[in-house]
């Protein structure tokens, strides 16, 4: 049984080499594309979502700092003392 692909069987307009190795790369790239034709769009949207989430996380962090900046940390109060009467 002869080989299904041989060197020089296909000509490329862009000047790519006409070798069996190049044919195998082209066929495997085509099969990957046919398996997932929307992969590039998914990756692009995924990057946009990641950038959005990073910006959102930064905005939420700075909003939290602005809202809670006036809240003091609780001081330790001995048992039995009235916190309103204790001078800190």
PDB file of N, CA and C in Angstrom:
ATOM      1  N   UNK A   1       0.845  -1.161   0.000  1.00  0.00           N
ATOM      2  CA  UNK A   1       0.000   0.000   0.000  1.00  0.00           C
ATOM      3  C   UNK A   1       0.902   1.240   0.000  1.00  0.00           C
ATOM      4  N   UNK A   2       0.682   2.155  -0.918  1.00  0.00           N
ATOM      5  CA  UNK A   2       1.527   3.352  -0.988  1.00  0.00           C
ATOM      6  C   UNK A   2       1.189   4.330   0.144  1.00  0.00           C
ATOM      7  N   UNK A   3       2.144   5.192   0.431  1.00  0.00           N
ATOM      8  CA  UNK A   3       1.934   6.201   1.458  1.00  0.00           C
ATOM      9  C   UNK A   3       0.851   7.177   1.001  1.00  0.00           C
ATOM     10  N   UNK A   4      -0.020   7.646   1.925  1.00  0.00           N
ATOM     11  CA  UNK A   4      -1.064   8.585   1.525  1.00  0.00           C
ATOM     12  C   UNK A   4      -0.509   9.958   1.150  1.00  0.00           C
ATOM     13  N   UNK A   5       0.619  10.345   1.725  1.00  0.00           N
ATOM     14  CA  UNK A   5       1.250  11.627   1.402  1.00  0.00           C
ATOM     15  C   UNK A   5       2.684  11.405   0.963  1.00  0.00           C
ATOM     16  N   UNK A   6       3.101  12.184  -0.012  1.00  0.00           N
ATOM     17  CA  UNK A   6       4.480  12.117  -0.490  1.00  0.00           C
ATOM     18  C   UNK A   6       4.977  13.538  -0.708  1.00  0.00           C
ATOM     19  N   UNK A   7       6.291  13.715  -0.682  1.00  0.00           N
ATOM     20  CA  UNK A   7       6.879  15.028  -0.907  1.00  0.00           C
ATOM     21  C   UNK A   7       6.509  15.550  -2.292  1.00  0.00           C
ATOM     22  N   UNK A   8       6.192  16.844  -2.386  1.00  0.00           N
ATOM     23  CA  UNK A   8       5.916  17.487  -3.663  1.00  0.00           C
ATOM     24  C   UNK A   8       4.518  17.260  -4.202  1.00  0.00           C
ATOM     25  N   UNK A   9       3.647  16.669  -3.421  1.00  0.00           N
ATOM     26  CA  UNK A   9       2.303  16.362  -3.885  1.00  0.00           C
ATOM     27  C   UNK A   9       1.415  17.606  -3.940  1.00  0.00           C
ATOM     28  N   UNK A  10       1.637  18.560  -3.018  1.00  0.00           N
ATOM     29  CA  UNK A  10       0.815  19.759  -2.915  1.00  0.00           C
ATOM     30  C   UNK A  10       1.717  20.971  -3.090  1.00  0.00           C
ATOM     31  N   UNK A  11       1.243  21.972  -3.821  1.00  0.00           N
ATOM     32  CA  UNK A  11       2.012  23.210  -3.967  1.00  0.00           C
ATOM     33  C   UNK A  11       1.331  24.314  -3.153  1.00  0.00           C
ATOM     34  N   UNK A  12       2.146  25.112  -2.492  1.00  0.00           N
ATOM     35  CA  UNK A  12       1.649  26.217  -1.684  1.00  0.00           C
ATOM     36  C   UNK A  12       1.957  27.531  -2.380  1.00  0.00           C
ATOM     37  N   UNK A  13       1.008  28.455  -2.358  1.00  0.00           N
ATOM     38  CA  UNK A  13       1.215  29.762  -2.982  1.00  0.00           C
ATOM     39  C   UNK A  13       2.154  30.647  -2.175  1.00  0.00           C
ATOM     40  N   UNK A  14       2.234  30.414  -0.862  1.00  0.00           N
ATOM     41  CA  UNK A  14       3.064  31.269  -0.020  1.00  0.00           C
ATOM     42  C   UNK A  14       4.519  30.830   0.042  1.00  0.00           C
ATOM     43  N   UNK A  15       4.885  29.788  -0.618  1.00  0.00           N
ATOM     44  CA  UNK A  15       6.274  29.347  -0.672  1.00  0.00           C
ATOM     45  C   UNK A  15       6.684  28.441   0.469  1.00  0.00           C
ATOM     46  N   UNK A  16       5.727  27.860   1.168  1.00  0.00           N
ATOM     47  CA  UNK A  16       6.040  26.931   2.252  1.00  0.00           C
ATOM     48  C   UNK A  16       6.705  25.692   1.660  1.00  0.00           C
ATOM     49  N   UNK A  17       7.565  25.051   2.429  1.00  0.00           N
ATOM     50  CA  UNK A  17       8.249  23.864   1.894  1.00  0.00           C
ATOM     51  C   UNK A  17       7.268  22.737   1.568  1.00  0.00           C
ATOM     52  N   UNK A  18       7.566  22.015   0.525  1.00  0.00           N
ATOM     53  CA  UNK A  18       6.701  20.913   0.080  1.00  0.00           C
ATOM     54  C   UNK A  18       7.276  19.590   0.585  1.00  0.00           C
ATOM     55  N   UNK A  19       7.266  19.441   1.894  1.00  0.00           N
ATOM     56  CA  UNK A  19       7.808  18.225   2.503  1.00  0.00           C
ATOM     57  C   UNK A  19       6.716  17.499   3.270  1.00  0.00           C
ATOM     58  N   UNK A  20       6.972  16.251   3.541  1.00  0.00           N
ATOM     59  CA  UNK A  20       6.028  15.418   4.278  1.00  0.00           C
ATOM     60  C   UNK A  20       5.819  15.969   5.692  1.00  0.00           C
ATOM     61  N   UNK A  21       6.881  16.503   6.298  1.00  0.00           N
ATOM     62  CA  UNK A  21       6.778  17.086   7.635  1.00  0.00           C
ATOM     63  C   UNK A  21       5.843  18.303   7.621  1.00  0.00           C
ATOM     64  N   UNK A  22       5.961  19.155   6.613  1.00  0.00           N
ATOM     65  CA  UNK A  22       5.093  20.335   6.512  1.00  0.00           C
ATOM     66  C   UNK A  22       3.640  19.925   6.263  1.00  0.00           C
ATOM     67  N   UNK A  23       3.431  18.904   5.454  1.00  0.00           N
ATOM     68  CA  UNK A  23       2.068  18.414   5.213  1.00  0.00           C
ATOM     69  C   UNK A  23       1.432  17.916   6.513  1.00  0.00           C
ATOM     70  N   UNK A  24       2.220  17.187   7.314  1.00  0.00           N
ATOM     71  CA  UNK A  24       1.710  16.657   8.577  1.00  0.00           C
ATOM     72  C   UNK A  24       1.340  17.799   9.531  1.00  0.00           C
ATOM     73  N   UNK A  25       2.173  18.848   9.576  1.00  0.00           N
ATOM     74  CA  UNK A  25       1.859  20.004  10.430  1.00  0.00           C
ATOM     75  C   UNK A  25       0.583  20.692   9.966  1.00  0.00           C
ATOM     76  N   UNK A  26       0.420  20.865   8.653  1.00  0.00           N
ATOM     77  CA  UNK A  26      -0.776  21.519   8.124  1.00  0.00           C
ATOM     78  C   UNK A  26      -2.035  20.710   8.412  1.00  0.00           C
ATOM     79  N   UNK A  27      -1.950  19.398   8.247  1.00  0.00           N
ATOM     80  CA  UNK A  27      -3.108  18.541   8.490  1.00  0.00           C
ATOM     81  C   UNK A  27      -3.486  18.554   9.969  1.00  0.00           C
ATOM     82  N   UNK A  28      -2.481  18.485  10.855  1.00  0.00           N
ATOM     83  CA  UNK A  28      -2.789  18.490  12.289  1.00  0.00           C
ATOM     84  C   UNK A  28      -3.365  19.842  12.719  1.00  0.00           C
ATOM     85  N   UNK A  29      -2.879  20.946  12.147  1.00  0.00           N
ATOM     86  CA  UNK A  29      -3.447  22.258  12.467  1.00  0.00           C
ATOM     87  C   UNK A  29      -4.896  22.349  11.984  1.00  0.00           C
ATOM     88  N   UNK A  30      -5.164  21.816  10.798  1.00  0.00           N
ATOM     89  CA  UNK A  30      -6.521  21.822  10.275  1.00  0.00           C
ATOM     90  C   UNK A  30      -7.460  20.970  11.136  1.00  0.00           C
ATOM     91  N   UNK A  31      -6.994  19.819  11.578  1.00  0.00           N
ATOM     92  CA  UNK A  31      -7.824  18.953  12.414  1.00  0.00           C
ATOM     93  C   UNK A  31      -8.098  19.590  13.780  1.00  0.00           C
ATOM     94  N   UNK A  32      -7.113  20.309  14.331  1.00  0.00           N
ATOM     95  CA  UNK A  32      -7.351  21.037  15.590  1.00  0.00           C
ATOM     96  C   UNK A  32      -8.396  22.127  15.384  1.00  0.00           C
ATOM     97  N   UNK A  33      -8.330  22.817  14.263  1.00  0.00           N
ATOM     98  CA  UNK A  33      -9.301  23.875  13.991  1.00  0.00           C
ATOM     99  C   UNK A  33     -10.703  23.285  13.809  1.00  0.00           C
ATOM    100  N   UNK A  34     -10.821  22.156  13.100  1.00  0.00           N
ATOM    101  CA  UNK A  34     -12.138  21.558  12.901  1.00  0.00           C
ATOM    102  C   UNK A  34     -12.705  21.005  14.206  1.00  0.00           C
ATOM    103  N   UNK A  35     -11.841  20.607  15.135  1.00  0.00           N
ATOM    104  CA  UNK A  35     -12.318  20.091  16.415  1.00  0.00           C
ATOM    105  C   UNK A  35     -12.917  21.213  17.267  1.00  0.00           C
ATOM    106  N   UNK A  36     -12.294  22.391  17.245  1.00  0.00           N
ATOM    107  CA  UNK A  36     -12.772  23.529  18.036  1.00  0.00           C
ATOM    108  C   UNK A  36     -12.659  24.809  17.217  1.00  0.00           C
ATOM    109  N   UNK A  37     -13.613  25.074  16.342  1.00  0.00           N
ATOM    110  CA  UNK A  37     -13.504  26.273  15.500  1.00  0.00           C
ATOM    111  C   UNK A  37     -13.687  27.582  16.263  1.00  0.00           C
ATOM    112  N   UNK A  38     -14.279  27.546  17.450  1.00  0.00           N
ATOM    113  CA  UNK A  38     -14.528  28.767  18.222  1.00  0.00           C
ATOM    114  C   UNK A  38     -13.503  28.964  19.336  1.00  0.00           C
ATOM    115  N   UNK A  39     -12.401  28.220  19.298  1.00  0.00           N
ATOM    116  CA  UNK A  39     -11.415  28.285  20.360  1.00  0.00           C
ATOM    117  C   UNK A  39     -10.793  29.681  20.472  1.00  0.00           C
ATOM    118  N   UNK A  40     -10.475  30.318  19.371  1.00  0.00           N
ATOM    119  CA  UNK A  40      -9.853  31.639  19.412  1.00  0.00           C
ATOM    120  C   UNK A  40     -10.784  32.673  20.035  1.00  0.00           C
ATOM    121  N   UNK A  41     -12.062  32.598  19.701  1.00  0.00           N
ATOM    122  CA  UNK A  41     -13.028  33.530  20.288  1.00  0.00           C
ATOM    123  C   UNK A  41     -13.166  33.285  21.791  1.00  0.00           C
ATOM    124  N   UNK A  42     -13.154  32.016  22.205  1.00  0.00           N
ATOM    125  CA  UNK A  42     -13.250  31.703  23.631  1.00  0.00           C
ATOM    126  C   UNK A  42     -12.049  32.232  24.396  1.00  0.00           C
ATOM    127  N   UNK A  43     -10.860  32.086  23.826  1.00  0.00           N
ATOM    128  CA  UNK A  43      -9.658  32.574  24.498  1.00  0.00           C
ATOM    129  C   UNK A  43      -9.665  34.092  24.588  1.00  0.00           C
ATOM    130  N   UNK A  44     -10.127  34.779  23.547  1.00  0.00           N
ATOM    131  CA  UNK A  44     -10.192  36.237  23.561  1.00  0.00           C
ATOM    132  C   UNK A  44     -11.174  36.718  24.629  1.00  0.00           C
ATOM    133  N   UNK A  45     -12.339  36.094  24.693  1.00  0.00           N
ATOM    134  CA  UNK A  45     -13.337  36.467  25.694  1.00  0.00           C
ATOM    135  C   UNK A  45     -12.821  36.141  27.092  1.00  0.00           C
ATOM    136  N   UNK A  46     -12.116  35.042  27.243  1.00  0.00           N
ATOM    137  CA  UNK A  46     -11.539  34.682  28.542  1.00  0.00           C
ATOM    138  C   UNK A  46     -10.545  35.725  29.030  1.00  0.00           C
ATOM    139  N   UNK A  47      -9.708  36.242  28.149  1.00  0.00           N
ATOM    140  CA  UNK A  47      -8.763  37.293  28.533  1.00  0.00           C
ATOM    141  C   UNK A  47      -9.500  38.571  28.922  1.00  0.00           C
ATOM    142  N   UNK A  48     -10.550  38.910  28.196  1.00  0.00           N
ATOM    143  CA  UNK A  48     -11.341  40.102  28.536  1.00  0.00           C
ATOM    144  C   UNK A  48     -11.982  39.950  29.913  1.00  0.00           C
ATOM    145  N   UNK A  49     -12.475  38.760  30.215  1.00  0.00           N
ATOM    146  CA  UNK A  49     -13.094  38.509  31.522  1.00  0.00           C
ATOM    147  C   UNK A  49     -12.045  38.618  32.624  1.00  0.00           C
ATOM    148  N   UNK A  50     -10.849  38.062  32.407  1.00  0.00           N
ATOM    149  CA  UNK A  50      -9.798  38.155  33.416  1.00  0.00           C
ATOM    150  C   UNK A  50      -9.405  39.606  33.684  1.00  0.00           C
ATOM    151  N   UNK A  51      -9.272  40.401  32.638  1.00  0.00           N
ATOM    152  CA  UNK A  51      -8.934  41.813  32.817  1.00  0.00           C
ATOM    153  C   UNK A  51     -10.045  42.522  33.584  1.00  0.00           C
ATOM    154  N   UNK A  52     -11.297  42.246  33.236  1.00  0.00           N
ATOM    155  CA  UNK A  52     -12.428  42.840  33.943  1.00  0.00           C
ATOM    156  C   UNK A  52     -12.400  42.474  35.422  1.00  0.00           C
ATOM    157  N   UNK A  53     -12.153  41.212  35.738  1.00  0.00           N
ATOM    158  CA  UNK A  53     -12.143  40.780  37.134  1.00  0.00           C
ATOM    159  C   UNK A  53     -10.999  41.413  37.919  1.00  0.00           C
ATOM    160  N   UNK A  54      -9.845  41.600  37.292  1.00  0.00           N
ATOM    161  CA  UNK A  54      -8.726  42.249  37.965  1.00  0.00           C
ATOM    162  C   UNK A  54      -9.066  43.709  38.269  1.00  0.00           C
ATOM    163  N   UNK A  55      -9.652  44.407  37.296  1.00  0.00           N
ATOM    164  CA  UNK A  55     -10.048  45.803  37.517  1.00  0.00           C
ATOM    165  C   UNK A  55     -11.122  45.881  38.595  1.00  0.00           C
ATOM    166  N   UNK A  56     -12.092  44.979  38.549  1.00  0.00           N
ATOM    167  CA  UNK A  56     -13.150  44.968  39.554  1.00  0.00           C
ATOM    168  C   UNK A  56     -12.596  44.708  40.950  1.00  0.00           C
ATOM    169  N   UNK A  57     -11.655  43.783  41.062  1.00  0.00           N
ATOM    170  CA  UNK A  57     -11.053  43.493  42.366  1.00  0.00           C
ATOM    171  C   UNK A  57     -10.318  44.722  42.896  1.00  0.00           C
ATOM    172  N   UNK A  58      -9.605  45.437  42.044  1.00  0.00           N
ATOM    173  CA  UNK A  58      -8.919  46.653  42.473  1.00  0.00           C
ATOM    174  C   UNK A  58      -9.892  47.714  42.934  1.00  0.00           C
ATOM    175  N   UNK A  59     -10.965  47.906  42.175  1.00  0.00           N
ATOM    176  CA  UNK A  59     -11.972  48.893  42.577  1.00  0.00           C
ATOM    177  C   UNK A  59     -12.625  48.520  43.908  1.00  0.00           C
ATOM    178  N   UNK A  60     -12.928  47.259  44.092  1.00  0.00           N
ATOM    179  CA  UNK A  60     -13.542  46.817  45.350  1.00  0.00           C
ATOM    180  C   UNK A  60     -12.583  47.019  46.526  1.00  0.00           C
ATOM    181  N   UNK A  61     -11.297  46.767  46.313  1.00  0.00           N
ATOM    182  CA  UNK A  61     -10.312  46.944  47.374  1.00  0.00           C
ATOM    183  C   UNK A  61     -10.238  48.412  47.799  1.00  0.00           C
ATOM    184  N   UNK A  62     -10.143  49.310  46.832  1.00  0.00           N
ATOM    185  CA  UNK A  62     -10.038  50.726  47.179  1.00  0.00           C
ATOM    186  C   UNK A  62     -11.355  51.270  47.750  1.00  0.00           C
ATOM    187  N   UNK A  63     -12.476  50.736  47.309  1.00  0.00           N
ATOM    188  CA  UNK A  63     -13.760  51.128  47.887  1.00  0.00           C
ATOM    189  C   UNK A  63     -13.832  50.690  49.351  1.00  0.00           C
ATOM    190  N   UNK A  64     -13.385  49.487  49.635  1.00  0.00           N
ATOM    191  CA  UNK A  64     -13.366  48.992  51.020  1.00  0.00           C
ATOM    192  C   UNK A  64     -12.479  49.867  51.885  1.00  0.00           C
ATOM    193  N   UNK A  65     -11.304  50.224  51.380  1.00  0.00           N
ATOM    194  CA  UNK A  65     -10.409  51.074  52.159  1.00  0.00           C
ATOM    195  C   UNK A  65     -11.034  52.437  52.434  1.00  0.00           C
ATOM    196  N   UNK A  66     -11.749  52.996  51.462  1.00  0.00           N
ATOM    197  CA  UNK A  66     -12.357  54.316  51.646  1.00  0.00           C
ATOM    198  C   UNK A  66     -13.515  54.254  52.635  1.00  0.00           C
ATOM    199  N   UNK A  67     -14.338  53.225  52.537  1.00  0.00           N
ATOM    200  CA  UNK A  67     -15.506  53.107  53.412  1.00  0.00           C
ATOM    201  C   UNK A  67     -15.083  52.832  54.849  1.00  0.00           C
ATOM    202  N   UNK A  68     -14.104  51.991  55.064  1.00  0.00           N
ATOM    203  CA  UNK A  68     -13.745  51.544  56.403  1.00  0.00           C
ATOM    204  C   UNK A  68     -12.544  52.286  56.995  1.00  0.00           C
ATOM    205  N   UNK A  69     -12.081  53.366  56.372  1.00  0.00           N
ATOM    206  CA  UNK A  69     -10.879  54.028  56.877  1.00  0.00           C
ATOM    207  C   UNK A  69     -11.078  54.677  58.244  1.00  0.00           C
ATOM    208  N   UNK A  70     -12.291  55.073  58.601  1.00  0.00           N
ATOM    209  CA  UNK A  70     -12.537  55.768  59.868  1.00  0.00           C
ATOM    210  C   UNK A  70     -12.804  54.813  61.028  1.00  0.00           C
ATOM    211  N   UNK A  71     -12.960  53.547  60.765  1.00  0.00           N
ATOM    212  CA  UNK A  71     -13.272  52.584  61.818  1.00  0.00           C
ATOM    213  C   UNK A  71     -11.980  52.245  62.562  1.00  0.00           C
ATOM    214  N   UNK A  72     -12.023  52.440  63.888  1.00  0.00           N
ATOM    215  CA  UNK A  72     -10.841  52.145  64.683  1.00  0.00           C
ATOM    216  C   UNK A  72     -10.819  50.667  65.040  1.00  0.00           C
ATOM    217  N   UNK A  73      -9.634  50.180  65.279  1.00  0.00           N
ATOM    218  CA  UNK A  73      -9.523  48.796  65.707  1.00  0.00           C
ATOM    219  C   UNK A  73      -9.916  48.724  67.182  1.00  0.00           C
ATOM    220  N   UNK A  74     -10.573  47.660  67.615  1.00  0.00           N
ATOM    221  CA  UNK A  74     -11.000  47.566  69.016  1.00  0.00           C
ATOM    222  C   UNK A  74      -9.787  47.437  69.937  1.00  0.00           C
ATOM    223  N   UNK A  75      -9.824  48.177  71.043  1.00  0.00           N
ATOM    224  CA  UNK A  75      -8.749  48.058  72.025  1.00  0.00           C
ATOM    225  C   UNK A  75      -9.147  46.999  73.044  1.00  0.00           C
ATOM    226  N   UNK A  76      -8.146  46.415  73.659  1.00  0.00           N
ATOM    227  CA  UNK A  76      -8.438  45.373  74.639  1.00  0.00           C
ATOM    228  C   UNK A  76      -8.923  46.022  75.929  1.00  0.00           C
ATOM    229  N   UNK A  77     -10.008  45.529  76.459  1.00  0.00           N
ATOM    230  CA  UNK A  77     -10.605  46.066  77.681  1.00  0.00           C
ATOM    231  C   UNK A  77     -10.634  44.936  78.702  1.00  0.00           C
ATOM    232  N   UNK A  78     -10.205  45.252  79.922  1.00  0.00           N
ATOM    233  CA  UNK A  78     -10.178  44.237  80.977  1.00  0.00           C
ATOM    234  C   UNK A  78     -11.601  43.813  81.329  1.00  0.00           C
ATOM    235  N   UNK A  79     -11.722  42.609  81.782  1.00  0.00           N
ATOM    236  CA  UNK A  79     -13.031  42.077  82.144  1.00  0.00           C
ATOM    237  C   UNK A  79     -13.623  42.892  83.292  1.00  0.00           C
ATOM    238  N   UNK A  80     -14.871  43.265  83.148  1.00  0.00           N
ATOM    239  CA  UNK A  80     -15.555  43.991  84.198  1.00  0.00           C
ATOM    240  C   UNK A  80     -15.497  45.500  84.036  1.00  0.00           C
ATOM    241  N   UNK A  81     -14.723  46.027  83.104  1.00  0.00           N
ATOM    242  CA  UNK A  81     -14.653  47.470  82.913  1.00  0.00           C
ATOM    243  C   UNK A  81     -15.723  47.930  81.934  1.00  0.00           C
ATOM    244  N   UNK A  82     -16.183  49.113  82.142  1.00  0.00           N
ATOM    245  CA  UNK A  82     -17.153  49.704  81.226  1.00  0.00           C
ATOM    246  C   UNK A  82     -16.393  50.371  80.090  1.00  0.00           C
ATOM    247  N   UNK A  83     -16.600  49.932  78.844  1.00  0.00           N
ATOM    248  CA  UNK A  83     -15.809  50.493  77.741  1.00  0.00           C
ATOM    249  C   UNK A  83     -16.053  51.978  77.512  1.00  0.00           C
ATOM    250  N   UNK A  84     -17.209  52.501  77.921  1.00  0.00           N
ATOM    251  CA  UNK A  84     -17.490  53.918  77.698  1.00  0.00           C
ATOM    252  C   UNK A  84     -16.758  54.788  78.718  1.00  0.00           C
ATOM    253  N   UNK A  85     -16.469  54.247  79.888  1.00  0.00           N
ATOM    254  CA  UNK A  85     -15.801  55.023  80.930  1.00  0.00           C
ATOM    255  C   UNK A  85     -14.291  54.860  80.906  1.00  0.00           C
ATOM    256  N   UNK A  86     -13.787  53.923  80.187  1.00  0.00           N
ATOM    257  CA  UNK A  86     -12.356  53.664  80.170  1.00  0.00           C
ATOM    258  C   UNK A  86     -11.684  54.605  79.187  1.00  0.00           C
ATOM    259  N   UNK A  87     -10.655  55.291  79.644  1.00  0.00           N
ATOM    260  CA  UNK A  87      -9.901  56.193  78.768  1.00  0.00           C
ATOM    261  C   UNK A  87      -8.798  55.379  78.095  1.00  0.00           C
ATOM    262  N   UNK A  88      -8.716  55.476  76.820  1.00  0.00           N
ATOM    263  CA  UNK A  88      -7.710  54.706  76.091  1.00  0.00           C
ATOM    264  C   UNK A  88      -6.644  55.613  75.573  1.00  0.00           C
TER     265      UNK A  88
END
